[in-house]
Amino acid sequence: MKKTILISAILIFFLSCSKKDNCNEEQLLTKHFEMEYGCPDTKFTLQINLTNDAKIIRSTEEYDAQVSGSCHPAVDFSAYDLVIGRQSTGNYNDTILYDLKRTCPDKELLLTVDVIQSDLTMPSTVTYHALIPKLGDEEKLNVMVNVK
């Protein structure tokens, strides 16, 4: 009887180790729109109402209808989607960093936008623009903005 209980306990222990234990997040490449195309924030205008929110532009037609200004480069929407968003901050913006991962075990996409503020205390609204690998038709993207 003790042997059966011991074997059962060991079996339960090994079965409780799931695939989650071997799961690794997948890091994906993002590109800074500003760096990739040399477009500073002041050179283009958004026709999108974004307040502490993000929008995914998936086609040239959406891009042409919603983004205008002196810097309007051709984006390869067969390879990339453009994520544009705004975030209110308490200080002036210094740097924006992007991190795109496919989470584990759910395989969800998470774009983390870190807005690094300068020491200049001036309320600001930061616009961020990330080029990410093309999403599938039904694939969702979660965007998390951290103001630091």
Protein backbone atom coordinates (compact mmCIF):
# COMPACT_ATOMS: atom_id res chain seq x y z
CA MET A 1 0.00 0.00 0.00
CA LYS A 2 2.80 2.42 0.92
CA LYS A 3 4.53 1.54 -2.34
CA THR A 4 1.39 2.40 -4.34
CA ILE A 5 1.00 5.75 -2.59
CA LEU A 6 4.69 6.57 -3.15
CA ILE A 7 4.52 5.62 -6.84
CA SER A 8 1.30 7.63 -7.23
CA ALA A 9 2.89 10.68 -5.57
CA ILE A 10 5.96 10.46 -7.83
CA LEU A 11 3.75 10.02 -10.91
CA ILE A 12 1.61 13.05 -9.96
CA PHE A 13 4.76 15.10 -9.38
CA PHE A 14 6.16 14.30 -12.84
CA LEU A 15 2.82 14.82 -14.56
CA SER A 16 2.40 18.21 -12.91
CA CYS A 17 5.49 19.41 -14.78
CA SER A 18 3.90 20.76 -17.92
CA LYS A 19 5.17 22.27 -21.13
CA LYS A 20 5.03 25.67 -19.42
CA ASP A 21 8.31 24.78 -17.73
CA ASN A 22 10.02 24.54 -21.12
CA CYS A 23 8.32 27.62 -22.54
CA ASN A 24 10.43 30.60 -23.55
CA GLU A 25 9.19 34.01 -24.61
CA GLU A 26 10.02 34.84 -28.20
CA GLN A 27 11.71 38.20 -28.77
CA LEU A 28 10.62 39.87 -32.02
CA LEU A 29 12.26 42.70 -33.94
CA THR A 30 10.72 46.17 -33.91
CA LYS A 31 11.91 49.25 -35.74
CA HIS A 32 11.65 52.88 -34.69
CA PHE A 33 9.67 54.67 -37.40
CA GLU A 34 11.58 57.87 -36.66
CA MET A 35 15.00 56.20 -36.96
CA GLU A 36 14.11 53.96 -39.90
CA TYR A 37 12.80 56.82 -42.04
CA GLY A 38 14.39 59.88 -40.41
CA CYS A 39 11.03 61.31 -39.43
CA PRO A 40 11.13 63.31 -36.22
CA ASP A 41 7.82 63.66 -34.39
CA THR A 42 7.35 67.22 -35.70
CA LYS A 43 7.50 66.28 -39.40
CA PHE A 44 4.20 64.45 -39.74
CA THR A 45 0.64 64.89 -38.61
CA LEU A 46 -1.77 62.24 -37.37
CA GLN A 47 -5.39 62.37 -38.43
CA ILE A 48 -6.17 59.90 -35.64
CA ASN A 49 -7.78 60.77 -32.32
CA LEU A 50 -5.46 59.08 -29.86
CA THR A 51 -5.45 59.93 -26.19
CA ASN A 52 -3.43 57.45 -24.15
CA ASP A 53 -4.31 54.80 -26.71
CA ALA A 54 -2.74 52.98 -29.67
CA LYS A 55 -3.80 52.30 -33.25
CA ILE A 56 -2.47 49.65 -35.60
CA ILE A 57 -2.20 50.76 -39.22
CA ARG A 58 -2.11 47.69 -41.47
CA SER A 59 -2.31 49.07 -45.00
CA THR A 60 -1.10 51.86 -47.28
CA GLU A 61 -4.69 53.08 -47.62
CA GLU A 62 -5.10 53.48 -43.84
CA TYR A 63 -1.67 55.10 -43.61
CA ASP A 64 -2.39 57.62 -46.38
CA ALA A 65 -5.78 58.49 -44.89
CA GLN A 66 -4.57 58.91 -41.30
CA VAL A 67 -0.98 60.17 -41.49
CA SER A 68 0.10 63.29 -43.36
CA GLY A 69 2.81 65.92 -43.20
CA SER A 70 6.19 66.66 -44.71
CA CYS A 71 7.56 63.24 -43.75
CA HIS A 72 5.37 60.56 -45.31
CA PRO A 73 7.68 57.71 -46.39
CA ALA A 74 6.48 54.60 -48.18
CA VAL A 75 6.08 51.79 -45.63
CA ASP A 76 6.19 48.15 -46.73
CA PHE A 77 2.84 47.05 -45.27
CA SER A 78 3.31 43.56 -46.71
CA ALA A 79 6.08 43.05 -44.12
CA TYR A 80 5.16 45.50 -41.33
CA ASP A 81 2.31 47.04 -39.41
CA LEU A 82 2.68 50.51 -37.92
CA VAL A 83 1.66 51.00 -34.28
CA ILE A 84 0.98 54.63 -33.40
CA GLY A 85 -0.07 55.85 -30.00
CA ARG A 86 0.00 58.78 -27.61
CA GLN A 87 0.73 58.95 -23.93
CA SER A 88 0.47 61.92 -21.58
CA THR A 89 3.48 62.44 -19.34
CA GLY A 90 4.49 64.80 -16.55
CA ASN A 91 7.93 65.56 -17.94
CA TYR A 92 9.40 66.18 -21.36
CA ASN A 93 10.20 63.03 -23.36
CA ASP A 94 13.83 61.95 -23.66
CA THR A 95 13.74 58.48 -25.29
CA ILE A 96 11.25 55.86 -26.40
CA LEU A 97 12.20 52.17 -26.28
CA TYR A 98 10.20 49.32 -27.83
CA ASP A 99 10.15 45.67 -26.84
CA LEU A 100 7.99 43.15 -28.73
CA LYS A 101 7.55 39.64 -27.35
CA ARG A 102 5.36 36.63 -27.96
CA THR A 103 4.40 35.62 -24.43
CA CYS A 104 4.47 32.15 -23.06
CA PRO A 105 2.45 29.93 -22.85
CA ASP A 106 -0.42 31.94 -24.39
CA LYS A 107 1.53 33.01 -27.50
CA GLU A 108 0.07 36.53 -27.26
CA LEU A 109 1.95 39.49 -28.71
CA LEU A 110 2.95 42.20 -26.26
CA LEU A 111 4.51 45.50 -27.33
CA THR A 112 6.04 47.31 -24.38
CA VAL A 113 6.69 51.01 -24.94
CA ASP A 114 9.01 52.58 -22.39
CA VAL A 115 8.80 56.37 -22.42
CA ILE A 116 11.92 57.67 -20.69
CA GLN A 117 11.37 61.20 -19.42
CA SER A 118 13.97 63.93 -19.07
CA ASP A 119 14.45 66.07 -15.98
CA LEU A 120 12.62 68.98 -17.63
CA THR A 121 9.30 69.28 -15.83
CA MET A 122 6.93 70.15 -18.64
CA PRO A 123 3.70 68.22 -19.17
CA SER A 124 3.85 66.60 -22.56
CA THR A 125 2.01 64.22 -24.83
CA VAL A 126 4.36 61.73 -26.44
CA THR A 127 3.55 60.11 -29.76
CA TYR A 128 5.21 56.75 -30.36
CA HIS A 129 5.53 54.91 -33.68
CA ALA A 130 6.78 51.33 -33.96
CA LEU A 131 7.10 49.17 -37.04
CA ILE A 132 6.35 45.58 -36.06
CA PRO A 133 6.32 42.36 -38.11
CA LYS A 134 3.05 41.93 -40.01
CA LEU A 135 0.26 40.63 -37.79
CA GLY A 136 -2.04 37.84 -38.92
CA ASP A 137 -5.61 38.77 -39.84
CA GLU A 138 -7.01 37.69 -36.47
CA GLU A 139 -3.85 38.26 -34.42
CA LYS A 140 -4.14 40.75 -31.58
CA LEU A 141 -1.50 43.01 -30.13
CA ASN A 142 -1.44 44.13 -26.52
CA VAL A 143 0.33 47.45 -25.95
CA MET A 144 1.68 48.37 -22.54
CA VAL A 145 3.14 51.86 -22.02
CA ASN A 146 5.50 52.54 -19.12
CA VAL A 147 6.38 56.14 -18.31
CA LYS A 148 9.70 56.23 -16.46
